[in-house]
């Protein structure tokens, strides 16, 4: 986009909407980090759930107004924030399906990365009690890492390679190491890709069964 185009009202509105998505994501992330350090009234499971709900509502508004924030247009930071919010939006499966389909179009148009779509494909499948495709959906329960059932597991790594993800064994090992480092409580989900990891989002497969409410039952 040219410097002139970046100064238009439409561009300013886009930056404002982009910034709100990132802010909502970062707020929920900060609460998770604070909760692991020292739980309090302001950093409680209820506060984290409220922040996730606000982020889901923000993403819903964004998608209705703009569509999916294509990485090529909005930048990786915004696309990453939108993905993490979508993955945490299990209470709105309609929104998750909508985001999955919008991401599929973005990937086919070469405007976004296939690995983002893969994470939402698996999340939506697990939410509908269907086998996942790329093996990203895992749960931490009773000190063990459980992988949601996988369709045609013998071809799993080939499918993962096709969307830019590393070997599944490396992914599972990294998720398990992270969960153990988080005192076996994977509330602190990373919201940005980490260089050198087996996958861009090594532990965002953790979700509904590791939510603040279920983690303390």
N, C-alpha and C. Protein backbone atom coordinates (compact mmCIF):
# COMPACT_ATOMS: atom_id res chain seq x y z
N UNK A 1 0.85 -1.19 0.00
CA UNK A 1 0.00 0.00 0.00
C UNK A 1 0.89 1.24 0.00
N UNK A 2 0.55 2.21 -0.81
CA UNK A 2 1.35 3.42 -0.94
C UNK A 2 1.20 4.29 0.31
N UNK A 3 2.18 5.18 0.55
CA UNK A 3 2.04 6.10 1.69
C UNK A 3 0.78 6.94 1.62
N UNK A 4 0.40 7.33 0.39
CA UNK A 4 -0.82 8.12 0.25
C UNK A 4 -2.05 7.33 0.67
N UNK A 5 -2.10 6.07 0.27
CA UNK A 5 -3.25 5.23 0.61
C UNK A 5 -3.34 5.00 2.11
N UNK A 6 -2.19 4.94 2.79
CA UNK A 6 -2.18 4.72 4.23
C UNK A 6 -2.73 5.91 5.01
N UNK A 7 -2.83 7.06 4.34
CA UNK A 7 -3.33 8.26 5.02
C UNK A 7 -4.82 8.48 4.79
N UNK A 8 -5.49 7.61 4.07
CA UNK A 8 -6.91 7.78 3.79
C UNK A 8 -7.74 7.43 5.02
N UNK A 9 -8.99 7.94 5.10
CA UNK A 9 -9.85 7.56 6.23
C UNK A 9 -10.05 6.06 6.35
N UNK A 10 -10.17 5.37 5.20
CA UNK A 10 -10.36 3.91 5.25
C UNK A 10 -9.16 3.22 5.88
N UNK A 11 -7.96 3.70 5.55
CA UNK A 11 -6.76 3.10 6.13
C UNK A 11 -6.70 3.38 7.63
N UNK A 12 -7.07 4.57 8.04
CA UNK A 12 -7.07 4.88 9.47
C UNK A 12 -8.09 4.03 10.22
N UNK A 13 -9.26 3.81 9.61
CA UNK A 13 -10.25 2.95 10.24
C UNK A 13 -9.74 1.52 10.35
N UNK A 14 -9.04 1.07 9.32
CA UNK A 14 -8.50 -0.29 9.36
C UNK A 14 -7.48 -0.44 10.47
N UNK A 15 -6.60 0.53 10.62
CA UNK A 15 -5.59 0.45 11.68
C UNK A 15 -6.25 0.46 13.05
N UNK A 16 -7.32 1.25 13.20
CA UNK A 16 -8.02 1.31 14.47
C UNK A 16 -8.66 -0.04 14.79
N UNK A 17 -9.31 -0.66 13.81
CA UNK A 17 -9.92 -1.98 14.01
C UNK A 17 -8.85 -3.04 14.28
N UNK A 18 -7.75 -2.97 13.54
CA UNK A 18 -6.66 -3.91 13.76
C UNK A 18 -6.13 -3.79 15.18
N UNK A 19 -5.93 -2.55 15.61
CA UNK A 19 -5.39 -2.32 16.95
C UNK A 19 -6.31 -2.83 18.04
N UNK A 20 -7.62 -2.73 17.83
CA UNK A 20 -8.56 -3.23 18.83
C UNK A 20 -8.48 -4.74 18.95
N UNK A 21 -8.33 -5.45 17.84
CA UNK A 21 -8.19 -6.90 17.91
C UNK A 21 -6.95 -7.29 18.70
N UNK A 22 -5.85 -6.65 18.40
CA UNK A 22 -4.60 -6.95 19.10
C UNK A 22 -4.74 -6.62 20.58
N UNK A 23 -5.38 -5.50 20.90
CA UNK A 23 -5.56 -5.12 22.31
C UNK A 23 -6.38 -6.17 23.05
N UNK A 24 -7.46 -6.63 22.45
CA UNK A 24 -8.30 -7.64 23.10
C UNK A 24 -7.53 -8.93 23.33
N UNK A 25 -6.76 -9.32 22.34
CA UNK A 25 -5.94 -10.53 22.50
C UNK A 25 -4.92 -10.35 23.61
N UNK A 26 -4.22 -9.23 23.59
CA UNK A 26 -3.14 -9.01 24.55
C UNK A 26 -3.68 -8.92 25.98
N UNK A 27 -4.87 -8.37 26.14
CA UNK A 27 -5.46 -8.27 27.48
C UNK A 27 -5.73 -9.67 28.04
N UNK A 28 -6.35 -10.53 27.24
CA UNK A 28 -6.61 -11.89 27.70
C UNK A 28 -5.31 -12.63 27.99
N UNK A 29 -4.30 -12.38 27.17
CA UNK A 29 -3.01 -13.03 27.37
C UNK A 29 -2.35 -12.57 28.66
N UNK A 30 -2.42 -11.26 28.92
CA UNK A 30 -1.81 -10.72 30.12
C UNK A 30 -2.48 -11.26 31.38
N UNK A 31 -3.79 -11.44 31.34
CA UNK A 31 -4.49 -12.02 32.48
C UNK A 31 -4.03 -13.44 32.75
N UNK A 32 -3.81 -14.21 31.69
CA UNK A 32 -3.32 -15.57 31.87
C UNK A 32 -1.95 -15.57 32.53
N UNK A 33 -1.08 -14.69 32.06
CA UNK A 33 0.27 -14.62 32.63
C UNK A 33 0.21 -14.21 34.10
N UNK A 34 -0.62 -13.22 34.39
CA UNK A 34 -0.73 -12.74 35.77
C UNK A 34 -1.34 -13.81 36.67
N UNK A 35 -2.29 -14.55 36.16
CA UNK A 35 -2.93 -15.61 36.96
C UNK A 35 -1.93 -16.68 37.34
N UNK A 36 -1.06 -17.04 36.41
CA UNK A 36 -0.06 -18.07 36.73
C UNK A 36 0.94 -17.56 37.76
N UNK A 37 1.24 -16.26 37.71
CA UNK A 37 2.18 -15.71 38.69
C UNK A 37 1.55 -15.62 40.07
N UNK A 38 0.33 -15.05 40.13
CA UNK A 38 -0.32 -14.86 41.42
C UNK A 38 -1.82 -14.64 41.20
N UNK A 39 -2.63 -15.66 41.42
CA UNK A 39 -4.08 -15.49 41.25
C UNK A 39 -4.61 -14.41 42.19
N UNK A 40 -5.58 -13.66 41.68
CA UNK A 40 -6.20 -12.62 42.49
C UNK A 40 -7.61 -12.39 41.95
N UNK A 41 -8.32 -11.48 42.60
CA UNK A 41 -9.68 -11.16 42.14
C UNK A 41 -9.66 -10.66 40.70
N UNK A 42 -8.66 -9.83 40.37
CA UNK A 42 -8.58 -9.26 39.02
C UNK A 42 -7.93 -10.20 38.02
N UNK A 43 -7.29 -11.26 38.50
CA UNK A 43 -6.63 -12.24 37.63
C UNK A 43 -7.15 -13.62 38.01
N UNK A 44 -8.41 -13.84 37.78
CA UNK A 44 -9.08 -15.07 38.18
C UNK A 44 -9.60 -15.79 36.94
N UNK A 45 -10.00 -17.06 37.08
CA UNK A 45 -10.63 -17.74 35.95
C UNK A 45 -11.82 -16.97 35.39
N UNK A 46 -12.61 -16.34 36.28
CA UNK A 46 -13.76 -15.58 35.81
C UNK A 46 -13.31 -14.38 34.98
N UNK A 47 -12.22 -13.72 35.41
CA UNK A 47 -11.72 -12.58 34.66
C UNK A 47 -11.18 -13.00 33.29
N UNK A 48 -10.51 -14.14 33.26
CA UNK A 48 -9.99 -14.65 31.98
C UNK A 48 -11.14 -15.00 31.04
N UNK A 49 -12.17 -15.65 31.57
CA UNK A 49 -13.34 -15.99 30.75
C UNK A 49 -14.00 -14.73 30.21
N UNK A 50 -14.12 -13.69 31.05
CA UNK A 50 -14.72 -12.43 30.61
C UNK A 50 -13.89 -11.79 29.51
N UNK A 51 -12.56 -11.84 29.64
CA UNK A 51 -11.69 -11.27 28.62
C UNK A 51 -11.81 -12.05 27.31
N UNK A 52 -11.89 -13.38 27.41
CA UNK A 52 -12.08 -14.18 26.20
C UNK A 52 -13.41 -13.87 25.52
N UNK A 53 -14.45 -13.67 26.32
CA UNK A 53 -15.76 -13.35 25.76
C UNK A 53 -15.72 -12.01 25.05
N UNK A 54 -15.07 -11.01 25.67
CA UNK A 54 -14.94 -9.70 25.03
C UNK A 54 -14.16 -9.81 23.72
N UNK A 55 -13.12 -10.64 23.72
CA UNK A 55 -12.33 -10.82 22.50
C UNK A 55 -13.15 -11.50 21.41
N UNK A 56 -13.93 -12.50 21.79
CA UNK A 56 -14.81 -13.17 20.82
C UNK A 56 -15.79 -12.17 20.23
N UNK A 57 -16.38 -11.33 21.06
CA UNK A 57 -17.32 -10.33 20.57
C UNK A 57 -16.63 -9.35 19.62
N UNK A 58 -15.40 -8.97 19.97
CA UNK A 58 -14.66 -8.07 19.10
C UNK A 58 -14.34 -8.69 17.76
N UNK A 59 -13.95 -9.97 17.78
CA UNK A 59 -13.67 -10.66 16.52
C UNK A 59 -14.94 -10.80 15.68
N UNK A 60 -16.06 -11.08 16.33
CA UNK A 60 -17.31 -11.20 15.60
C UNK A 60 -17.65 -9.89 14.88
N UNK A 61 -17.47 -8.76 15.57
CA UNK A 61 -17.73 -7.47 14.94
C UNK A 61 -16.76 -7.23 13.79
N UNK A 62 -15.50 -7.56 14.00
CA UNK A 62 -14.49 -7.36 12.97
C UNK A 62 -14.84 -8.15 11.72
N UNK A 63 -15.17 -9.43 11.92
CA UNK A 63 -15.49 -10.29 10.77
C UNK A 63 -16.73 -9.79 10.04
N UNK A 64 -17.73 -9.31 10.78
CA UNK A 64 -18.93 -8.79 10.15
C UNK A 64 -18.64 -7.54 9.32
N UNK A 65 -17.72 -6.70 9.81
CA UNK A 65 -17.43 -5.44 9.12
C UNK A 65 -16.39 -5.59 8.02
N UNK A 66 -15.39 -6.44 8.27
CA UNK A 66 -14.21 -6.47 7.40
C UNK A 66 -14.00 -7.83 6.75
N UNK A 67 -14.38 -8.89 7.44
CA UNK A 67 -14.01 -10.23 7.01
C UNK A 67 -12.80 -10.69 7.81
N UNK A 68 -12.09 -11.70 7.32
CA UNK A 68 -10.90 -12.16 8.02
C UNK A 68 -9.75 -11.19 7.76
N UNK A 69 -8.95 -10.87 8.79
CA UNK A 69 -7.81 -9.96 8.59
C UNK A 69 -6.66 -10.64 7.86
N UNK A 70 -6.67 -10.58 6.56
CA UNK A 70 -5.63 -11.22 5.76
C UNK A 70 -4.25 -10.72 6.21
N UNK A 71 -3.34 -11.64 6.41
CA UNK A 71 -2.00 -11.27 6.86
C UNK A 71 -1.31 -10.36 5.86
N UNK A 72 -1.54 -10.58 4.58
CA UNK A 72 -0.88 -9.77 3.56
C UNK A 72 -1.36 -8.32 3.57
N UNK A 73 -2.52 -8.07 4.12
CA UNK A 73 -3.06 -6.71 4.18
C UNK A 73 -2.94 -6.12 5.58
N UNK A 74 -3.27 -6.91 6.60
CA UNK A 74 -3.32 -6.40 7.98
C UNK A 74 -2.05 -6.68 8.76
N UNK A 75 -1.22 -7.59 8.29
CA UNK A 75 0.01 -7.92 8.99
C UNK A 75 -0.13 -9.16 9.85
N UNK A 76 1.01 -9.78 10.14
CA UNK A 76 1.01 -11.03 10.90
C UNK A 76 0.52 -10.84 12.33
N UNK A 77 0.84 -9.71 12.95
CA UNK A 77 0.43 -9.51 14.34
C UNK A 77 -1.08 -9.55 14.46
N UNK A 78 -1.78 -8.90 13.55
CA UNK A 78 -3.24 -8.87 13.59
C UNK A 78 -3.80 -10.25 13.25
N UNK A 79 -3.25 -10.89 12.22
CA UNK A 79 -3.73 -12.22 11.83
C UNK A 79 -3.51 -13.23 12.94
N UNK A 80 -2.36 -13.15 13.63
CA UNK A 80 -2.09 -14.06 14.74
C UNK A 80 -3.07 -13.84 15.89
N UNK A 81 -3.32 -12.56 16.21
CA UNK A 81 -4.25 -12.25 17.29
C UNK A 81 -5.65 -12.77 16.95
N UNK A 82 -6.08 -12.58 15.72
CA UNK A 82 -7.40 -13.06 15.31
C UNK A 82 -7.49 -14.57 15.41
N UNK A 83 -6.43 -15.26 15.02
CA UNK A 83 -6.44 -16.72 15.09
C UNK A 83 -6.58 -17.20 16.53
N UNK A 84 -5.78 -16.63 17.43
CA UNK A 84 -5.84 -17.09 18.82
C UNK A 84 -7.21 -16.80 19.41
N UNK A 85 -7.78 -15.63 19.11
CA UNK A 85 -9.13 -15.33 19.60
C UNK A 85 -10.12 -16.35 19.05
N UNK A 86 -10.02 -16.65 17.77
CA UNK A 86 -10.94 -17.62 17.17
C UNK A 86 -10.80 -18.99 17.83
N UNK A 87 -9.56 -19.40 18.10
CA UNK A 87 -9.35 -20.70 18.73
C UNK A 87 -9.93 -20.75 20.14
N UNK A 88 -10.00 -19.61 20.80
CA UNK A 88 -10.55 -19.56 22.15
C UNK A 88 -12.05 -19.30 22.17
N UNK A 89 -12.67 -19.24 21.00
CA UNK A 89 -14.09 -18.89 20.91
C UNK A 89 -14.98 -20.11 20.81
N UNK A 90 -14.69 -21.12 21.63
CA UNK A 90 -15.46 -22.36 21.57
C UNK A 90 -16.94 -22.15 21.90
N UNK A 91 -17.24 -21.10 22.63
CA UNK A 91 -18.65 -20.84 22.97
C UNK A 91 -19.42 -20.27 21.78
N UNK A 92 -18.74 -19.99 20.69
CA UNK A 92 -19.40 -19.48 19.47
C UNK A 92 -18.94 -20.31 18.28
N UNK A 93 -19.41 -21.56 18.16
CA UNK A 93 -18.94 -22.42 17.07
C UNK A 93 -19.31 -21.88 15.69
N UNK A 94 -20.39 -21.11 15.60
CA UNK A 94 -20.75 -20.52 14.30
C UNK A 94 -19.67 -19.55 13.85
N UNK A 95 -19.17 -18.74 14.77
CA UNK A 95 -18.09 -17.81 14.43
C UNK A 95 -16.83 -18.58 14.03
N UNK A 96 -16.51 -19.64 14.77
CA UNK A 96 -15.33 -20.42 14.42
C UNK A 96 -15.43 -21.00 13.01
N UNK A 97 -16.58 -21.52 12.66
CA UNK A 97 -16.76 -22.06 11.31
C UNK A 97 -16.65 -20.97 10.26
N UNK A 98 -17.20 -19.81 10.56
CA UNK A 98 -17.11 -18.68 9.63
C UNK A 98 -15.66 -18.28 9.42
N UNK A 99 -14.91 -18.17 10.51
CA UNK A 99 -13.49 -17.82 10.40
C UNK A 99 -12.72 -18.88 9.63
N UNK A 100 -13.01 -20.14 9.88
CA UNK A 100 -12.34 -21.22 9.14
C UNK A 100 -12.56 -21.07 7.65
N UNK A 101 -13.79 -20.80 7.25
CA UNK A 101 -14.09 -20.70 5.82
C UNK A 101 -13.49 -19.44 5.20
N UNK A 102 -13.48 -18.35 5.95
CA UNK A 102 -12.85 -17.13 5.45
C UNK A 102 -11.34 -17.32 5.30
N UNK A 103 -10.74 -18.05 6.24
CA UNK A 103 -9.31 -18.32 6.15
C UNK A 103 -8.99 -19.22 4.96
N UNK A 104 -9.86 -20.18 4.70
CA UNK A 104 -9.64 -21.05 3.54
C UNK A 104 -9.59 -20.22 2.26
N UNK A 105 -10.49 -19.25 2.15
CA UNK A 105 -10.49 -18.38 0.97
C UNK A 105 -9.22 -17.53 0.94
N UNK A 106 -8.80 -17.02 2.11
CA UNK A 106 -7.59 -16.21 2.15
C UNK A 106 -6.37 -17.01 1.73
N UNK A 107 -6.30 -18.27 2.18
CA UNK A 107 -5.16 -19.12 1.81
C UNK A 107 -5.18 -19.41 0.31
N UNK A 108 -6.35 -19.73 -0.23
CA UNK A 108 -6.44 -20.02 -1.66
C UNK A 108 -6.11 -18.80 -2.50
N UNK A 109 -6.30 -17.61 -1.93
CA UNK A 109 -5.96 -16.36 -2.63
C UNK A 109 -4.53 -15.93 -2.35
N UNK A 110 -3.78 -16.76 -1.61
CA UNK A 110 -2.39 -16.48 -1.25
C UNK A 110 -2.26 -15.19 -0.44
N UNK A 111 -3.26 -14.93 0.39
CA UNK A 111 -3.26 -13.75 1.24
C UNK A 111 -3.01 -14.08 2.71
N UNK A 112 -2.89 -15.37 3.01
CA UNK A 112 -2.64 -15.76 4.39
C UNK A 112 -1.95 -17.13 4.40
N UNK A 113 -1.45 -17.51 5.58
CA UNK A 113 -0.68 -18.75 5.70
C UNK A 113 -1.60 -19.93 5.98
N UNK A 114 -1.28 -21.06 5.35
CA UNK A 114 -2.12 -22.25 5.48
C UNK A 114 -2.14 -22.80 6.91
N UNK A 115 -1.07 -22.58 7.68
CA UNK A 115 -1.05 -23.17 9.03
C UNK A 115 -2.14 -22.54 9.91
N UNK A 116 -2.47 -21.26 9.68
CA UNK A 116 -3.54 -20.66 10.47
C UNK A 116 -4.86 -21.39 10.20
N UNK A 117 -5.11 -21.62 8.94
CA UNK A 117 -6.34 -22.34 8.56
C UNK A 117 -6.35 -23.73 9.19
N UNK A 118 -5.19 -24.41 9.20
CA UNK A 118 -5.12 -25.78 9.72
C UNK A 118 -5.53 -25.83 11.19
N UNK A 119 -5.09 -24.85 11.99
CA UNK A 119 -5.46 -24.85 13.40
C UNK A 119 -6.97 -24.70 13.57
N UNK A 120 -7.60 -23.88 12.77
CA UNK A 120 -9.05 -23.70 12.88
C UNK A 120 -9.81 -24.90 12.34
N UNK A 121 -9.28 -25.54 11.31
CA UNK A 121 -9.90 -26.77 10.81
C UNK A 121 -9.99 -27.80 11.93
N UNK A 122 -8.88 -27.99 12.63
CA UNK A 122 -8.86 -28.98 13.72
C UNK A 122 -9.75 -28.55 14.88
N UNK A 123 -9.73 -27.28 15.21
CA UNK A 123 -10.54 -26.81 16.33
C UNK A 123 -12.03 -27.02 16.05
N UNK A 124 -12.45 -26.70 14.83
CA UNK A 124 -13.86 -26.88 14.47
C UNK A 124 -14.23 -28.35 14.45
N UNK A 125 -13.34 -29.19 13.94
CA UNK A 125 -13.63 -30.63 13.90
C UNK A 125 -13.81 -31.17 15.32
N UNK A 126 -12.90 -30.80 16.22
CA UNK A 126 -13.00 -31.29 17.59
C UNK A 126 -14.26 -30.79 18.27
N UNK A 127 -14.63 -29.55 17.98
CA UNK A 127 -15.84 -29.00 18.57
C UNK A 127 -17.10 -29.69 18.13
N UNK A 128 -17.04 -30.34 16.98
CA UNK A 128 -18.19 -31.09 16.46
C UNK A 128 -17.99 -32.60 16.61
N UNK A 129 -17.07 -32.99 17.50
CA UNK A 129 -16.81 -34.41 17.79
C UNK A 129 -16.43 -35.20 16.54
N UNK A 130 -15.65 -34.56 15.67
CA UNK A 130 -15.16 -35.22 14.46
C UNK A 130 -13.64 -35.35 14.53
N UNK A 131 -13.05 -36.34 13.83
CA UNK A 131 -11.59 -36.47 13.85
C UNK A 131 -10.93 -35.23 13.26
N UNK A 132 -9.78 -34.88 13.83
CA UNK A 132 -9.06 -33.72 13.30
C UNK A 132 -8.17 -34.15 12.14
N UNK A 133 -7.71 -33.16 11.38
CA UNK A 133 -6.94 -33.43 10.16
C UNK A 133 -5.45 -33.25 10.36
N UNK A 134 -5.06 -32.23 11.13
CA UNK A 134 -3.64 -31.85 11.21
C UNK A 134 -3.00 -32.11 12.58
N UNK A 135 -3.75 -32.64 13.52
CA UNK A 135 -3.19 -33.04 14.80
C UNK A 135 -2.82 -31.90 15.73
N UNK A 136 -3.43 -30.74 15.55
CA UNK A 136 -3.08 -29.60 16.41
C UNK A 136 -3.91 -29.55 17.68
N UNK A 137 -5.02 -30.28 17.73
CA UNK A 137 -5.94 -30.18 18.86
C UNK A 137 -5.57 -31.19 19.93
N UNK A 138 -5.06 -30.68 21.04
CA UNK A 138 -4.67 -31.53 22.16
C UNK A 138 -5.26 -30.95 23.44
N UNK A 139 -5.28 -31.78 24.48
CA UNK A 139 -5.81 -31.38 25.78
C UNK A 139 -4.86 -31.84 26.87
N UNK A 140 -4.81 -31.07 27.94
CA UNK A 140 -4.03 -31.44 29.11
C UNK A 140 -5.00 -31.84 30.21
N UNK A 141 -4.91 -33.08 30.66
CA UNK A 141 -5.86 -33.54 31.67
C UNK A 141 -5.16 -34.52 32.61
N UNK A 142 -5.28 -34.24 33.89
CA UNK A 142 -4.71 -35.13 34.92
C UNK A 142 -3.23 -35.41 34.68
N UNK A 143 -2.51 -34.36 34.31
CA UNK A 143 -1.08 -34.49 34.12
C UNK A 143 -0.66 -35.19 32.85
N UNK A 144 -1.59 -35.40 31.94
CA UNK A 144 -1.26 -36.08 30.68
C UNK A 144 -1.75 -35.26 29.50
N UNK A 145 -1.00 -35.36 28.41
CA UNK A 145 -1.38 -34.69 27.17
C UNK A 145 -2.18 -35.68 26.31
N UNK A 146 -3.41 -35.32 25.97
CA UNK A 146 -4.28 -36.17 25.18
C UNK A 146 -4.48 -35.54 23.81
N UNK A 147 -4.29 -36.32 22.77
CA UNK A 147 -4.47 -35.85 21.40
C UNK A 147 -5.86 -36.23 20.92
N UNK A 148 -6.60 -35.27 20.43
CA UNK A 148 -7.92 -35.55 19.87
C UNK A 148 -7.76 -36.53 18.71
N UNK A 149 -8.72 -37.47 18.52
CA UNK A 149 -8.61 -38.45 17.44
C UNK A 149 -8.28 -37.81 16.08
N UNK A 150 -7.43 -38.50 15.34
CA UNK A 150 -6.91 -37.98 14.07
C UNK A 150 -7.40 -38.85 12.92
N UNK A 151 -7.86 -38.24 11.87
CA UNK A 151 -8.27 -38.96 10.66
C UNK A 151 -7.03 -39.46 9.91
N UNK A 152 -7.06 -40.71 9.48
CA UNK A 152 -5.96 -41.29 8.69
C UNK A 152 -4.60 -40.91 9.27
N UNK A 153 -4.30 -41.35 10.49
CA UNK A 153 -3.06 -40.90 11.15
C UNK A 153 -1.79 -41.26 10.40
N UNK A 154 -1.82 -42.28 9.58
CA UNK A 154 -0.63 -42.66 8.83
C UNK A 154 -0.19 -41.60 7.83
N UNK A 155 -1.09 -40.74 7.44
CA UNK A 155 -0.77 -39.67 6.48
C UNK A 155 -0.70 -38.30 7.15
N UNK A 156 -0.66 -38.30 8.48
CA UNK A 156 -0.73 -37.05 9.23
C UNK A 156 0.42 -36.11 8.89
N UNK A 157 1.65 -36.60 8.98
CA UNK A 157 2.79 -35.70 8.78
C UNK A 157 2.82 -35.13 7.36
N UNK A 158 2.34 -35.90 6.39
CA UNK A 158 2.25 -35.38 5.03
C UNK A 158 1.27 -34.21 4.93
N UNK A 159 0.14 -34.34 5.62
CA UNK A 159 -0.83 -33.25 5.62
C UNK A 159 -0.27 -32.03 6.35
N UNK A 160 0.41 -32.29 7.46
CA UNK A 160 1.01 -31.17 8.20
C UNK A 160 2.05 -30.46 7.35
N UNK A 161 2.87 -31.20 6.66
CA UNK A 161 3.89 -30.59 5.80
C UNK A 161 3.24 -29.71 4.73
N UNK A 162 2.09 -30.13 4.23
CA UNK A 162 1.44 -29.38 3.15
C UNK A 162 0.95 -28.01 3.60
N UNK A 163 0.79 -27.82 4.90
CA UNK A 163 0.34 -26.51 5.40
C UNK A 163 1.44 -25.80 6.20
N UNK A 164 2.66 -26.30 6.11
CA UNK A 164 3.77 -25.62 6.75
C UNK A 164 4.00 -25.96 8.20
N UNK A 165 3.46 -27.08 8.67
CA UNK A 165 3.67 -27.52 10.05
C UNK A 165 4.70 -28.63 10.11
N UNK A 166 5.41 -28.70 11.23
CA UNK A 166 6.45 -29.70 11.40
C UNK A 166 5.90 -31.05 11.79
N UNK A 167 6.77 -32.04 12.02
CA UNK A 167 6.33 -33.39 12.40
C UNK A 167 5.48 -33.37 13.66
N UNK A 168 4.47 -34.23 13.69
CA UNK A 168 3.54 -34.22 14.81
C UNK A 168 4.22 -34.61 16.12
N UNK A 169 5.16 -35.52 16.07
CA UNK A 169 5.85 -35.93 17.30
C UNK A 169 6.58 -34.75 17.94
N UNK A 170 7.18 -33.90 17.12
CA UNK A 170 7.87 -32.72 17.64
C UNK A 170 6.86 -31.76 18.27
N UNK A 171 5.72 -31.61 17.64
CA UNK A 171 4.68 -30.73 18.16
C UNK A 171 4.18 -31.20 19.52
N UNK A 172 3.88 -32.48 19.64
CA UNK A 172 3.37 -33.02 20.89
C UNK A 172 4.43 -32.89 21.99
N UNK A 173 5.67 -33.13 21.66
CA UNK A 173 6.73 -33.01 22.66
C UNK A 173 6.84 -31.58 23.15
N UNK A 174 6.76 -30.61 22.26
CA UNK A 174 6.89 -29.22 22.68
C UNK A 174 5.69 -28.78 23.52
N UNK A 175 4.50 -29.21 23.14
CA UNK A 175 3.31 -28.86 23.93
C UNK A 175 3.45 -29.43 25.34
N UNK A 176 3.87 -30.68 25.45
CA UNK A 176 4.00 -31.31 26.76
C UNK A 176 5.04 -30.58 27.62
N UNK A 177 6.14 -30.18 27.01
CA UNK A 177 7.17 -29.45 27.75
C UNK A 177 6.63 -28.11 28.23
N UNK A 178 5.88 -27.44 27.39
CA UNK A 178 5.33 -26.14 27.78
C UNK A 178 4.34 -26.30 28.92
N UNK A 179 3.45 -27.28 28.81
CA UNK A 179 2.44 -27.47 29.84
C UNK A 179 3.09 -27.80 31.18
N UNK A 180 4.13 -28.61 31.15
CA UNK A 180 4.82 -28.94 32.39
C UNK A 180 5.48 -27.70 32.99
N UNK A 181 6.05 -26.85 32.13
CA UNK A 181 6.70 -25.63 32.61
C UNK A 181 5.68 -24.67 33.22
N UNK A 182 4.43 -24.77 32.77
CA UNK A 182 3.36 -23.91 33.29
C UNK A 182 2.70 -24.55 34.51
N UNK A 183 3.48 -25.34 35.24
CA UNK A 183 2.99 -26.01 36.45
C UNK A 183 1.78 -26.89 36.14
N UNK A 184 1.85 -27.56 35.01
CA UNK A 184 0.80 -28.49 34.59
C UNK A 184 -0.55 -27.80 34.52
N UNK A 185 -0.53 -26.52 34.17
CA UNK A 185 -1.76 -25.76 34.06
C UNK A 185 -1.64 -24.87 32.84
N UNK A 186 -2.05 -25.34 31.68
CA UNK A 186 -1.79 -24.62 30.43
C UNK A 186 -2.76 -23.47 30.18
N UNK A 187 -2.97 -22.64 31.19
CA UNK A 187 -3.78 -21.45 30.97
C UNK A 187 -3.02 -20.42 30.13
N UNK A 188 -1.70 -20.42 30.25
CA UNK A 188 -0.91 -19.40 29.57
C UNK A 188 -0.60 -19.86 28.15
N UNK A 189 -1.53 -19.62 27.25
CA UNK A 189 -1.33 -20.02 25.87
C UNK A 189 -0.59 -18.92 25.13
N UNK A 190 0.46 -19.25 24.40
CA UNK A 190 1.18 -18.20 23.68
C UNK A 190 0.31 -17.65 22.56
N UNK A 191 0.46 -16.38 22.30
CA UNK A 191 -0.35 -15.74 21.28
C UNK A 191 0.48 -15.24 20.12
N UNK A 192 1.73 -15.59 20.07
CA UNK A 192 2.58 -15.18 18.96
C UNK A 192 3.43 -16.37 18.53
N UNK A 193 3.78 -16.45 17.24
CA UNK A 193 4.69 -17.53 16.82
C UNK A 193 6.03 -17.39 17.54
N UNK A 194 6.66 -18.52 17.77
CA UNK A 194 7.96 -18.52 18.43
C UNK A 194 8.99 -19.11 17.48
N UNK A 195 10.04 -18.37 17.22
CA UNK A 195 11.06 -18.84 16.28
C UNK A 195 11.72 -20.09 16.82
N UNK A 196 12.01 -21.02 15.92
CA UNK A 196 12.69 -22.23 16.29
C UNK A 196 11.79 -23.32 16.82
N UNK A 197 10.48 -23.06 16.91
CA UNK A 197 9.58 -24.08 17.42
C UNK A 197 9.16 -25.01 16.29
N UNK A 198 8.64 -26.16 16.67
CA UNK A 198 8.22 -27.12 15.66
C UNK A 198 7.06 -26.58 14.84
N UNK A 199 6.23 -25.77 15.43
CA UNK A 199 5.10 -25.18 14.75
C UNK A 199 5.00 -23.71 15.11
N UNK A 200 4.39 -22.88 14.25
CA UNK A 200 4.26 -21.47 14.56
C UNK A 200 3.47 -21.22 15.85
N UNK A 201 2.46 -22.03 16.13
CA UNK A 201 1.68 -21.89 17.36
C UNK A 201 1.77 -23.20 18.12
N UNK A 202 2.84 -23.41 18.87
CA UNK A 202 3.07 -24.74 19.42
C UNK A 202 2.05 -25.23 20.41
N UNK A 203 1.32 -24.37 21.09
CA UNK A 203 0.38 -24.90 22.07
C UNK A 203 -1.01 -24.30 21.97
N UNK A 204 -1.37 -23.64 20.88
CA UNK A 204 -2.71 -23.12 20.80
C UNK A 204 -3.73 -24.21 20.54
N UNK A 205 -3.28 -25.46 20.38
CA UNK A 205 -4.25 -26.54 20.29
C UNK A 205 -4.95 -26.79 21.62
N UNK A 206 -4.38 -26.32 22.73
CA UNK A 206 -5.01 -26.47 24.02
C UNK A 206 -6.22 -25.57 24.10
N UNK A 207 -7.30 -26.06 24.67
CA UNK A 207 -8.46 -25.20 24.65
C UNK A 207 -9.54 -25.55 25.62
N UNK A 208 -10.69 -25.98 25.14
CA UNK A 208 -11.90 -26.07 25.95
C UNK A 208 -11.67 -26.85 27.24
N UNK A 209 -11.00 -27.99 27.15
CA UNK A 209 -10.81 -28.80 28.35
C UNK A 209 -9.71 -28.26 29.24
N UNK A 210 -9.00 -27.21 28.76
CA UNK A 210 -7.97 -26.58 29.58
C UNK A 210 -8.37 -25.14 29.88
N UNK A 211 -9.66 -24.84 29.77
CA UNK A 211 -10.13 -23.49 30.03
C UNK A 211 -10.04 -23.18 31.51
N UNK A 212 -10.11 -21.90 31.88
CA UNK A 212 -10.00 -21.55 33.30
C UNK A 212 -10.98 -22.31 34.20
N UNK A 213 -12.20 -22.49 33.74
CA UNK A 213 -13.18 -23.16 34.59
C UNK A 213 -12.86 -24.64 34.78
N UNK A 214 -12.52 -25.33 33.69
CA UNK A 214 -12.27 -26.76 33.80
C UNK A 214 -10.94 -27.06 34.48
N UNK A 215 -10.00 -26.12 34.43
CA UNK A 215 -8.69 -26.38 35.02
C UNK A 215 -8.76 -26.43 36.54
N UNK A 216 -9.86 -25.93 37.12
CA UNK A 216 -9.93 -25.88 38.58
C UNK A 216 -11.09 -26.68 39.13
N UNK A 217 -11.60 -27.63 38.35
CA UNK A 217 -12.66 -28.48 38.85
C UNK A 217 -12.10 -29.55 39.76
